[in-house]
Amino acid sequence: MSCLAPAFDIDNHLVVINDLPSLKLAAKPSEVHLWHADLNSFSDSLLADVISGDEISRAERLHFVKDKKHFIVARALLRKLLAAYLGADPRLLTLAYGDMGKPFLAAGDQSSQRRISFNLAHSAGRALFAFTQGREVGVDLEYIRNETAGDNIANRFFSAGEIAAIHALPLDQRKEAFFNCWTRKEAYIKARGEGFSIPLDSFEVSVAPEERAGLLRNHVDEGEVGRWEMHSVNVTPGYVGALVVEGQGWQLKTFSLIPS
């Protein structure tokens, strides 16, 4: 049995970044908040004082200037959003990382009664940030590049069922199907916090553009199918996004963060 859920298209609320502290944001256990941001519209020089020295060092290791800027802005926006949910100073938050790199808040930054789970993804200047309370979440975003959507990558990482499903589609739909598959797989392994320690061909997702996003099967643990909801995310043309959330019966709220 597959866990399918329809793609969503919910009104996007515009929020000015300087208004965040006064909003008193709260993600209820029954809600998932998804934030969109255009990283190019924010100044990295104005946001750099928000992030940690470790994050600055990570940015400096990136080769291209635009990648450094996008990393700084994405991490600063993440901190500002977390601070708005927690009523905290974004500079004082301590971000830790799991064994596979998934970020989380250090225990001292939030109470057990208000456990915020979050995830972020950014690609080619766009970013997605997802926040929940008391459930795990993963999000992925990819800019559609022609050179990426090839059989070599699909054959290496996708399951036999996914490869067959892509090749069964008309030629003009295969590129979108490839990125549907990739982002849904990435969002799933990020939600689980185990990264690429999970073989990408050990589970299958829906891929066809007209299909609802869903985790179709897990070859290792069949119970995983009923544990997660998977959705496609409507992003600016040229991008594909996916959201995976633990559990059922939650409501999505979407926002766009914009500069002052």
Protein backbone atom coordinates (compact mmCIF):
# COMPACT_ATOMS: atom_id res chain seq x y z
CA MET A 1 0.00 0.00 0.00
CA SER A 2 1.43 3.38 -0.93
CA CYS A 3 1.35 6.54 1.14
CA LEU A 4 0.17 9.09 -1.42
CA ALA A 5 -0.75 12.69 -0.85
CA PRO A 6 -1.69 15.35 -3.39
CA ALA A 7 0.60 18.16 -4.42
CA PHE A 8 -0.39 21.31 -2.60
CA ASP A 9 -0.88 24.88 -3.74
CA ILE A 10 -1.72 26.97 -0.70
CA ASP A 11 -1.66 30.76 -0.45
CA ASN A 12 1.83 32.06 0.18
CA HIS A 13 1.99 34.69 2.93
CA LEU A 14 4.67 37.36 2.45
CA VAL A 15 6.67 38.14 5.60
CA VAL A 16 9.26 40.92 5.89
CA ILE A 17 12.39 39.68 7.65
CA ASN A 18 12.47 42.62 10.10
CA ASP A 19 8.94 41.74 11.22
CA LEU A 20 9.90 38.23 12.35
CA PRO A 21 10.60 39.06 16.03
CA SER A 22 7.16 40.61 16.48
CA LEU A 23 5.21 37.77 14.86
CA LYS A 24 5.55 35.33 17.78
CA LEU A 25 5.59 32.40 15.41
CA ALA A 26 4.36 29.05 16.69
CA ALA A 27 4.30 25.76 14.84
CA LYS A 28 1.56 23.67 16.43
CA PRO A 29 1.89 19.88 16.46
CA SER A 30 -0.84 19.77 13.82
CA GLU A 31 0.97 22.19 11.49
CA VAL A 32 3.95 22.21 9.15
CA HIS A 33 5.36 25.58 8.13
CA LEU A 34 7.16 25.86 4.82
CA TRP A 35 9.10 29.04 4.01
CA HIS A 36 10.32 30.13 0.56
CA ALA A 37 13.15 32.62 0.05
CA ASP A 38 15.07 34.13 -2.83
CA LEU A 39 18.62 34.17 -1.45
CA ASN A 40 19.77 36.71 -4.03
CA SER A 41 17.41 39.34 -2.62
CA PHE A 42 19.19 39.40 0.76
CA SER A 43 22.56 40.95 1.59
CA ASP A 44 25.08 38.50 2.98
CA SER A 45 27.07 41.36 4.52
CA LEU A 46 24.06 42.45 6.58
CA LEU A 47 23.36 38.89 7.75
CA ALA A 48 26.87 37.57 8.35
CA ASP A 49 26.94 38.73 12.00
CA VAL A 50 24.04 36.35 12.76
CA ILE A 51 25.85 33.11 11.95
CA SER A 52 28.55 31.32 13.91
CA GLY A 53 32.28 31.24 13.31
CA ASP A 54 31.98 27.62 12.26
CA GLU A 55 29.40 28.53 9.65
CA ILE A 56 31.63 31.34 8.36
CA SER A 57 34.48 28.82 8.05
CA ARG A 58 32.25 26.43 6.13
CA ALA A 59 31.24 29.23 3.76
CA GLU A 60 34.87 30.20 3.18
CA ARG A 61 35.68 26.66 2.04
CA LEU A 62 33.28 27.02 -0.89
CA HIS A 63 34.97 27.87 -4.17
CA PHE A 64 32.53 30.23 -5.85
CA VAL A 65 31.59 33.63 -4.39
CA LYS A 66 27.90 33.15 -5.14
CA ASP A 67 27.92 29.81 -3.29
CA LYS A 68 29.52 31.46 -0.26
CA LYS A 69 26.86 34.18 -0.30
CA HIS A 70 24.00 31.70 -0.65
CA PHE A 71 25.33 29.58 2.21
CA ILE A 72 25.68 32.59 4.54
CA VAL A 73 22.24 33.96 3.68
CA ALA A 74 20.53 30.56 4.00
CA ARG A 75 22.08 29.87 7.43
CA ALA A 76 21.31 33.38 8.65
CA LEU A 77 17.68 33.13 7.55
CA LEU A 78 17.41 29.74 9.22
CA ARG A 79 18.69 31.23 12.48
CA LYS A 80 16.31 34.18 12.26
CA LEU A 81 13.35 31.89 11.63
CA LEU A 82 14.30 29.56 14.49
CA ALA A 83 14.72 32.57 16.78
CA ALA A 84 11.24 33.79 15.84
CA TYR A 85 9.74 30.41 16.76
CA LEU A 86 11.66 30.17 20.02
CA GLY A 87 11.67 33.81 21.10
CA ALA A 88 15.47 33.74 21.18
CA ASP A 89 18.50 35.66 19.94
CA PRO A 90 19.51 34.11 16.58
CA ARG A 91 23.21 34.67 17.36
CA LEU A 92 23.00 32.59 20.53
CA LEU A 93 21.39 29.50 19.06
CA THR A 94 23.62 26.43 18.91
CA LEU A 95 23.20 24.29 15.83
CA ALA A 96 24.48 20.74 16.13
CA TYR A 97 24.66 18.06 13.46
CA GLY A 98 23.75 14.40 13.36
CA ASP A 99 26.14 11.73 12.15
CA MET A 100 24.88 12.22 8.62
CA GLY A 101 24.90 16.01 8.74
CA LYS A 102 21.28 16.85 9.54
CA PRO A 103 21.19 20.05 11.63
CA PHE A 104 19.29 20.26 14.91
CA LEU A 105 19.11 22.62 17.87
CA ALA A 106 21.16 21.87 20.95
CA ALA A 107 18.99 20.70 23.86
CA GLY A 108 19.54 23.90 25.83
CA ASP A 109 17.97 26.07 23.14
CA GLN A 110 14.47 24.64 23.43
CA SER A 111 12.31 22.86 25.96
CA SER A 112 11.16 19.28 25.59
CA GLN A 113 7.59 20.58 25.55
CA ARG A 114 8.30 22.65 22.44
CA ARG A 115 10.63 20.53 20.33
CA ILE A 116 11.09 22.22 16.97
CA SER A 117 12.21 20.03 14.08
CA PHE A 118 13.42 21.72 10.94
CA ASN A 119 15.16 21.21 7.66
CA LEU A 120 16.43 23.40 4.85
CA ALA A 121 17.48 23.11 1.24
CA HIS A 122 18.83 25.60 -1.26
CA SER A 123 19.78 25.45 -4.91
CA ALA A 124 20.78 28.12 -7.44
CA GLY A 125 19.67 31.01 -5.24
CA ARG A 126 16.34 29.63 -4.00
CA ALA A 127 15.74 28.16 -0.55
CA LEU A 128 13.11 26.20 1.35
CA PHE A 129 12.86 25.97 5.16
CA ALA A 130 10.48 23.55 6.89
CA PHE A 131 9.49 23.65 10.57
CA THR A 132 7.36 21.31 12.67
CA GLN A 133 6.78 20.53 16.31
CA GLY A 134 7.11 16.96 17.58
CA ARG A 135 7.57 15.25 14.20
CA GLU A 136 10.44 14.81 11.76
CA VAL A 137 10.64 16.68 8.48
CA GLY A 138 12.81 16.76 5.37
CA VAL A 139 12.82 19.09 2.39
CA ASP A 140 14.76 19.18 -0.87
CA LEU A 141 15.02 21.65 -3.72
CA GLU A 142 16.81 21.31 -7.05
CA TYR A 143 17.34 23.62 -9.99
CA ILE A 144 16.61 21.71 -13.19
CA ARG A 145 19.86 21.18 -15.07
CA ASN A 146 19.80 19.31 -18.35
CA GLU A 147 23.21 17.75 -17.79
CA THR A 148 22.11 16.22 -14.47
CA ALA A 149 19.02 14.32 -15.63
CA GLY A 150 20.80 11.46 -17.33
CA ASP A 151 20.55 7.69 -17.38
CA ASN A 152 23.96 7.29 -15.74
CA ILE A 153 22.80 8.95 -12.52
CA ALA A 154 19.40 7.26 -12.60
CA ASN A 155 20.93 3.83 -13.11
CA ARG A 156 23.37 4.43 -10.27
CA PHE A 157 20.95 5.71 -7.64
CA PHE A 158 17.34 4.92 -8.53
CA SER A 159 15.47 1.66 -8.02
CA ALA A 160 14.60 -0.60 -10.93
CA GLY A 161 10.92 0.35 -10.56
CA GLU A 162 11.69 4.08 -10.71
CA ILE A 163 13.94 3.69 -13.74
CA ALA A 164 11.24 1.71 -15.54
CA ALA A 165 8.61 4.33 -14.61
CA ILE A 166 10.77 7.15 -16.02
CA HIS A 167 11.47 5.32 -19.27
CA ALA A 168 7.76 4.56 -19.69
CA LEU A 169 7.03 8.28 -19.91
CA PRO A 170 7.09 10.41 -23.08
CA LEU A 171 10.49 11.97 -23.72
CA ASP A 172 9.29 15.47 -22.83
CA GLN A 173 8.27 14.34 -19.32
CA ARG A 174 11.36 12.38 -18.35
CA LYS A 175 13.48 15.30 -17.14
CA GLU A 176 10.79 16.45 -14.71
CA ALA A 177 10.27 12.84 -13.59
CA PHE A 178 14.00 12.51 -12.91
CA PHE A 179 13.99 15.57 -10.64
CA ASN A 180 10.74 14.47 -8.98
CA CYS A 181 12.47 11.22 -8.11
CA TRP A 182 15.68 12.85 -6.92
CA THR A 183 14.10 15.50 -4.69
CA ARG A 184 11.61 13.08 -3.15
CA LYS A 185 14.36 10.62 -2.32
CA GLU A 186 16.56 13.37 -0.85
CA ALA A 187 13.71 14.78 1.24
CA TYR A 188 12.94 11.30 2.60
CA ILE A 189 16.48 10.45 3.67
CA LYS A 190 16.85 13.95 5.16
CA ALA A 191 13.63 13.51 7.16
CA ARG A 192 14.99 10.26 8.56
CA GLY A 193 18.29 11.96 9.38
CA GLU A 194 20.33 9.09 7.96
CA GLY A 195 21.45 10.68 4.70
CA PHE A 196 23.14 8.51 2.13
CA SER A 197 23.63 5.72 4.64
CA ILE A 198 20.21 4.71 3.28
CA PRO A 199 20.72 3.18 -0.18
CA LEU A 200 18.65 5.21 -2.62
CA ASP A 201 17.51 2.07 -4.42
CA SER A 202 16.17 0.52 -1.20
CA PHE A 203 12.89 2.45 -1.51
CA GLU A 204 10.68 3.75 -4.30
CA VAL A 205 8.82 7.01 -4.84
CA SER A 206 6.34 8.14 -7.47
CA VAL A 207 7.95 10.00 -10.35
CA ALA A 208 5.45 10.84 -13.13
CA PRO A 209 4.51 14.54 -13.39
CA GLU A 210 0.76 13.80 -13.19
CA GLU A 211 1.12 11.41 -10.24
CA ARG A 212 0.68 12.45 -6.64
CA ALA A 213 3.93 12.47 -4.71
CA GLY A 214 4.27 9.42 -2.52
CA LEU A 215 6.53 6.87 -0.91
CA LEU A 216 5.43 3.77 -2.79
CA ARG A 217 7.44 1.09 -1.02
CA ASN A 218 10.41 0.51 1.25
CA HIS A 219 12.17 -2.78 0.51
CA VAL A 220 13.76 -2.92 3.97
CA ASP A 221 10.87 -1.85 6.22
CA GLU A 222 7.32 -1.93 4.83
CA GLY A 223 6.09 0.05 7.86
CA GLU A 224 7.90 3.13 6.57
CA VAL A 225 5.26 3.64 3.89
CA GLY A 226 2.58 4.44 6.44
CA ARG A 227 4.88 6.53 8.62
CA TRP A 228 5.50 9.40 6.19
CA GLU A 229 3.59 11.80 3.98
CA MET A 230 5.32 13.05 0.86
CA HIS A 231 4.39 16.12 -1.18
CA SER A 232 5.70 17.98 -4.17
CA VAL A 233 6.36 21.67 -3.57
CA ASN A 234 5.36 24.35 -6.05
CA VAL A 235 8.43 26.53 -6.59
CA THR A 236 9.47 29.14 -9.14
CA PRO A 237 9.57 27.66 -12.69
CA GLY A 238 12.83 25.88 -13.31
CA TYR A 239 12.94 24.29 -9.84
CA VAL A 240 11.52 21.12 -8.33
CA GLY A 241 10.89 20.70 -4.60
CA ALA A 242 9.72 17.96 -2.25
CA LEU A 243 8.58 17.82 1.37
CA VAL A 244 8.42 14.73 3.58
CA VAL A 245 6.74 14.83 6.99
CA GLU A 246 6.35 12.20 9.68
CA GLY A 247 2.81 11.22 10.57
CA GLN A 248 -0.64 12.02 9.27
CA GLY A 249 -3.32 14.66 9.73
CA TRP A 250 -1.19 17.80 9.68
CA GLN A 251 -1.92 21.13 7.98
CA LEU A 252 0.51 22.97 5.76
CA LYS A 253 1.09 26.72 6.02
CA THR A 254 3.38 28.39 3.49
CA PHE A 255 5.22 31.70 3.68
CA SER A 256 7.72 33.70 1.66
CA LEU A 257 10.43 35.60 3.52
CA ILE A 258 11.39 38.87 1.89
CA PRO A 259 13.92 41.62 2.74
CA SER A 260 12.90 44.93 4.29
